[in-house]
Amino acid sequence: MSTTPATRSVSRRRRRPLSTISLARLAAALGLVLLGAGCSHDSGASGLPTPAWTPSPTAAATPTLPPEQAEARATALAMEPPDPYTPEFTPTGAADAATYFLELFPYVFATGDLDAWKNMSDDDCEFCNSVADDVYERHEAGGWVDPWGQEITPLEWWTDQEDPNRYVVRSQIVSEAHTAHSGDGTQSTVETADDILLIQLYWTTSDWHIEAVEATQDNGGDSQ
């Protein structure tokens, strides 16, 4: 991409009422790759690693859980998907698509349902593939992540000056702590955080696809 993109502000906010969590810190806690190649301002989407998609999770033998954990797992599996968005090839449409993708993150970890996530992910999206692999392995082993909500605020956007179909949306994710459960019964807590993410999207005929997701070092600058 050009090193001098023309940015624009985006004043749209979508809230979720559940307890919230840090996307970036959860990714780190789960061993995911959050920095996606191709999302820096001076490069396109080429050179990304070849993904290794796994099939959607199938029913796995569920370990015997204490009543409280069994109830938590049932609640997670019953989580409703986020409201769909209307695909539009506009800056607002890109922001809505990026927000929807971020809203899918807690849904896939809670339920193991990866269909919408995979449909929206570009084949070469490293972050997307890492999430899909972790979700599959976690649910296959009988684990899950408790549902959480997120306050997602698109802040600005810019386009690839070499390809106007490619957008980057910069969004703020305000989140609180929640619990991730492994199949062996162990639990881990991710602390609260306020993160800034760059979401790179590409418009293909009738819908947006996610090419990369990158966490910035702080609220004021991009990671290198």
Protein backbone atom coordinates (compact mmCIF):
# COMPACT_ATOMS: atom_id res chain seq x y z
CA MET A 1 0.00 0.00 0.00
CA SER A 2 0.98 3.63 -0.28
CA THR A 3 2.95 4.96 2.66
CA THR A 4 0.78 8.07 2.68
CA PRO A 5 -2.84 6.87 2.71
CA ALA A 6 -5.62 9.40 2.78
CA THR A 7 -7.47 8.72 6.01
CA ARG A 8 -11.06 9.54 6.78
CA SER A 9 -12.99 9.39 10.01
CA VAL A 10 -15.79 6.91 10.59
CA SER A 11 -18.30 7.80 13.30
CA ARG A 12 -20.19 4.57 13.81
CA ARG A 13 -20.35 2.50 16.98
CA ARG A 14 -21.84 -0.90 17.70
CA ARG A 15 -22.18 -2.17 21.27
CA ARG A 16 -22.75 -5.59 22.79
CA PRO A 17 -24.23 -5.91 26.31
CA LEU A 18 -22.30 -8.96 27.54
CA SER A 19 -19.15 -8.94 29.67
CA THR A 20 -16.27 -7.89 27.41
CA ILE A 21 -12.72 -8.95 26.65
CA SER A 22 -9.57 -7.85 24.84
CA LEU A 23 -9.33 -9.31 21.35
CA ALA A 24 -5.58 -8.78 21.21
CA ARG A 25 -4.87 -10.14 24.70
CA LEU A 26 -7.13 -13.14 24.23
CA ALA A 27 -5.31 -13.90 21.01
CA ALA A 28 -2.01 -13.73 22.87
CA ALA A 29 -3.30 -15.92 25.69
CA LEU A 30 -4.54 -18.53 23.22
CA GLY A 31 -1.31 -18.48 21.21
CA LEU A 32 -2.89 -16.95 18.11
CA VAL A 33 -1.03 -14.95 15.47
CA LEU A 34 -2.55 -11.47 15.58
CA LEU A 35 -0.09 -9.60 13.36
CA GLY A 36 -1.15 -10.22 9.76
CA ALA A 37 1.20 -9.68 6.83
CA GLY A 38 -0.21 -7.38 4.17
CA CYS A 39 -1.86 -4.94 6.54
CA SER A 40 1.03 -2.48 6.77
CA HIS A 41 0.66 0.75 4.85
CA ASP A 42 3.49 -0.04 2.43
CA SER A 43 2.46 -3.48 1.22
CA GLY A 44 -0.48 -5.33 -0.32
CA ALA A 45 -1.87 -8.74 0.53
CA SER A 46 0.82 -10.79 -1.23
CA GLY A 47 3.39 -12.97 0.51
CA LEU A 48 1.07 -14.33 3.18
CA PRO A 49 1.48 -17.94 4.29
CA THR A 50 -0.65 -20.67 2.80
CA PRO A 51 -3.53 -21.50 5.17
CA ALA A 52 -4.39 -24.93 6.42
CA TRP A 53 -8.14 -24.81 6.96
CA THR A 54 -9.55 -27.45 9.24
CA PRO A 55 -13.13 -28.74 8.99
CA SER A 56 -15.86 -27.33 11.16
CA PRO A 57 -15.84 -28.81 14.66
CA THR A 58 -17.78 -32.02 15.07
CA ALA A 59 -19.29 -33.29 18.25
CA ALA A 60 -16.53 -34.45 20.59
CA ALA A 61 -16.69 -36.51 23.73
CA THR A 62 -17.51 -33.99 26.44
CA PRO A 63 -15.73 -34.54 29.76
CA THR A 64 -17.80 -34.77 32.89
CA LEU A 65 -17.99 -31.25 34.25
CA PRO A 66 -19.07 -29.89 37.62
CA PRO A 67 -22.60 -28.48 37.44
CA GLU A 68 -21.42 -24.86 37.35
CA GLN A 69 -19.04 -25.46 34.44
CA ALA A 70 -21.58 -27.62 32.62
CA GLU A 71 -24.06 -24.75 32.84
CA ALA A 72 -21.43 -22.28 31.60
CA ARG A 73 -20.63 -24.51 28.63
CA ALA A 74 -24.31 -24.87 27.74
CA THR A 75 -24.66 -21.09 27.85
CA ALA A 76 -21.65 -20.66 25.57
CA LEU A 77 -22.88 -23.18 23.02
CA ALA A 78 -26.27 -21.45 22.90
CA MET A 79 -24.81 -18.00 22.17
CA GLU A 80 -26.66 -16.20 19.38
CA PRO A 81 -24.64 -15.05 16.35
CA PRO A 82 -24.16 -11.31 15.80
CA ASP A 83 -26.68 -9.50 13.67
CA PRO A 84 -25.76 -9.68 9.97
CA TYR A 85 -24.65 -6.61 8.08
CA THR A 86 -25.66 -5.39 4.62
CA PRO A 87 -22.66 -5.57 2.24
CA GLU A 88 -21.97 -2.14 0.72
CA PHE A 89 -18.94 -0.97 -1.21
CA THR A 90 -18.63 2.26 0.75
CA PRO A 91 -16.47 3.44 3.67
CA THR A 92 -19.40 2.87 6.01
CA GLY A 93 -19.90 -0.57 4.50
CA ALA A 94 -16.25 -1.41 5.14
CA ALA A 95 -16.55 -0.24 8.75
CA ASP A 96 -19.71 -2.31 9.26
CA ALA A 97 -18.05 -5.39 7.78
CA ALA A 98 -14.98 -4.96 10.00
CA THR A 99 -17.21 -4.56 13.05
CA TYR A 100 -19.22 -7.66 12.17
CA PHE A 101 -16.03 -9.69 11.78
CA LEU A 102 -14.83 -8.59 15.23
CA GLU A 103 -18.23 -9.50 16.67
CA LEU A 104 -17.83 -13.01 15.25
CA PHE A 105 -14.69 -13.51 17.35
CA PRO A 106 -16.42 -14.22 20.69
CA TYR A 107 -19.17 -16.15 18.91
CA VAL A 108 -16.85 -18.69 17.29
CA PHE A 109 -14.92 -19.28 20.51
CA ALA A 110 -18.12 -19.76 22.49
CA THR A 111 -19.96 -22.02 20.05
CA GLY A 112 -17.34 -23.59 17.76
CA ASP A 113 -19.45 -22.55 14.74
CA LEU A 114 -16.93 -21.35 12.15
CA ASP A 115 -19.14 -21.12 9.05
CA ALA A 116 -19.59 -17.33 8.97
CA TRP A 117 -15.98 -16.76 10.04
CA LYS A 118 -14.59 -18.90 7.21
CA ASN A 119 -16.97 -17.42 4.65
CA MET A 120 -15.69 -13.95 5.45
CA SER A 121 -11.99 -14.84 5.76
CA ASP A 122 -9.57 -14.60 2.86
CA ASP A 123 -7.66 -17.85 2.30
CA ASP A 124 -4.35 -16.11 3.12
CA CYS A 125 -5.50 -14.34 6.29
CA GLU A 126 -3.04 -15.59 8.91
CA PHE A 127 -5.05 -14.33 11.86
CA CYS A 128 -8.28 -15.82 10.47
CA ASN A 129 -6.64 -19.22 9.99
CA SER A 130 -5.09 -19.18 13.46
CA VAL A 131 -8.44 -18.43 15.07
CA ALA A 132 -10.17 -21.18 13.08
CA ASP A 133 -7.52 -23.74 14.05
CA ASP A 134 -7.65 -22.82 17.74
CA VAL A 135 -11.46 -22.85 17.86
CA TYR A 136 -11.57 -26.26 16.19
CA GLU A 137 -8.96 -27.78 18.49
CA ARG A 138 -10.49 -26.28 21.63
CA HIS A 139 -14.02 -27.48 20.91
CA GLU A 140 -12.85 -30.84 19.59
CA ALA A 141 -11.23 -31.38 23.01
CA GLY A 142 -14.39 -30.35 24.86
CA GLY A 143 -13.32 -26.82 25.70
CA TRP A 144 -14.96 -23.48 25.06
CA VAL A 145 -14.73 -19.78 25.92
CA ASP A 146 -17.41 -18.00 27.93
CA PRO A 147 -19.38 -15.48 25.82
CA TRP A 148 -18.26 -11.87 26.10
CA GLY A 149 -19.37 -8.59 24.66
CA GLN A 150 -17.27 -5.90 23.03
CA GLU A 151 -17.58 -2.17 22.49
CA ILE A 152 -16.31 -1.69 18.95
CA THR A 153 -15.76 1.81 17.57
CA PRO A 154 -14.49 2.30 13.99
CA LEU A 155 -12.20 5.34 14.12
CA GLU A 156 -10.94 5.93 10.58
CA TRP A 157 -10.35 4.26 7.24
CA TRP A 158 -8.12 4.48 4.20
CA THR A 159 -7.83 2.80 0.83
CA ASP A 160 -4.99 1.19 -1.09
CA GLN A 161 -3.98 3.77 -3.68
CA GLU A 162 -2.96 0.96 -6.02
CA ASP A 163 -6.23 -0.97 -5.61
CA PRO A 164 -9.37 0.94 -4.55
CA ASN A 165 -11.13 -2.34 -3.66
CA ARG A 166 -8.86 -2.71 -0.61
CA TYR A 167 -9.68 -0.84 2.59
CA VAL A 168 -8.13 -0.68 6.04
CA VAL A 169 -10.38 0.18 8.98
CA ARG A 170 -8.85 1.29 12.28
CA SER A 171 -11.09 0.33 15.20
CA GLN A 172 -11.03 0.61 18.98
CA ILE A 173 -12.02 -2.45 21.06
CA VAL A 174 -12.86 -1.78 24.72
CA SER A 175 -13.13 -4.98 26.69
CA GLU A 176 -13.25 -6.65 30.11
CA ALA A 177 -12.07 -9.98 31.51
CA HIS A 178 -13.62 -13.39 30.95
CA THR A 179 -12.71 -17.06 31.20
CA ALA A 180 -11.45 -19.56 28.63
CA HIS A 181 -11.92 -23.28 29.36
CA SER A 182 -9.72 -26.11 28.10
CA GLY A 183 -10.90 -29.65 27.51
CA ASP A 184 -8.96 -30.91 30.53
CA GLY A 185 -10.92 -28.66 32.86
CA THR A 186 -8.31 -25.94 33.31
CA GLN A 187 -9.36 -22.31 33.07
CA SER A 188 -7.56 -19.09 32.18
CA THR A 189 -8.58 -15.48 32.59
CA VAL A 190 -7.78 -12.66 30.19
CA GLU A 191 -7.52 -9.24 31.75
CA THR A 192 -9.40 -6.12 30.69
CA ALA A 193 -7.90 -3.93 27.99
CA ASP A 194 -8.47 -1.15 25.48
CA ASP A 195 -7.00 -2.07 22.08
CA ILE A 196 -6.64 -0.55 18.62
CA LEU A 197 -6.82 -2.92 15.63
CA LEU A 198 -6.30 -2.49 11.90
CA ILE A 199 -8.62 -4.65 9.80
CA GLN A 200 -7.74 -5.01 6.12
CA LEU A 201 -10.68 -5.84 3.84
CA TYR A 202 -11.10 -6.48 0.12
CA TRP A 203 -14.31 -6.01 -1.87
CA THR A 204 -14.98 -8.89 -4.25
CA THR A 205 -18.03 -8.32 -6.46
CA SER A 206 -20.70 -8.38 -3.76
CA ASP A 207 -19.13 -8.69 -0.31
CA TRP A 208 -16.14 -7.90 1.90
CA HIS A 209 -13.43 -10.40 2.80
CA ILE A 210 -10.89 -10.02 5.59
CA GLU A 211 -7.27 -10.15 4.41
CA ALA A 212 -5.43 -9.38 7.65
CA VAL A 213 -5.82 -8.14 11.23
CA GLU A 214 -3.07 -6.24 13.02
CA ALA A 215 -2.83 -4.91 16.57
CA THR A 216 -1.19 -1.53 17.07
CA GLN A 217 1.36 -0.98 19.81
CA ASP A 218 -0.74 1.69 21.44
CA ASN A 219 -3.71 3.91 20.77
CA GLY A 220 -1.65 6.35 18.78
CA GLY A 221 0.51 4.42 16.36
CA ASP A 222 0.81 1.34 14.22
CA SER A 223 3.05 -1.59 15.07
CA GLN A 224 5.90 -2.24 12.66
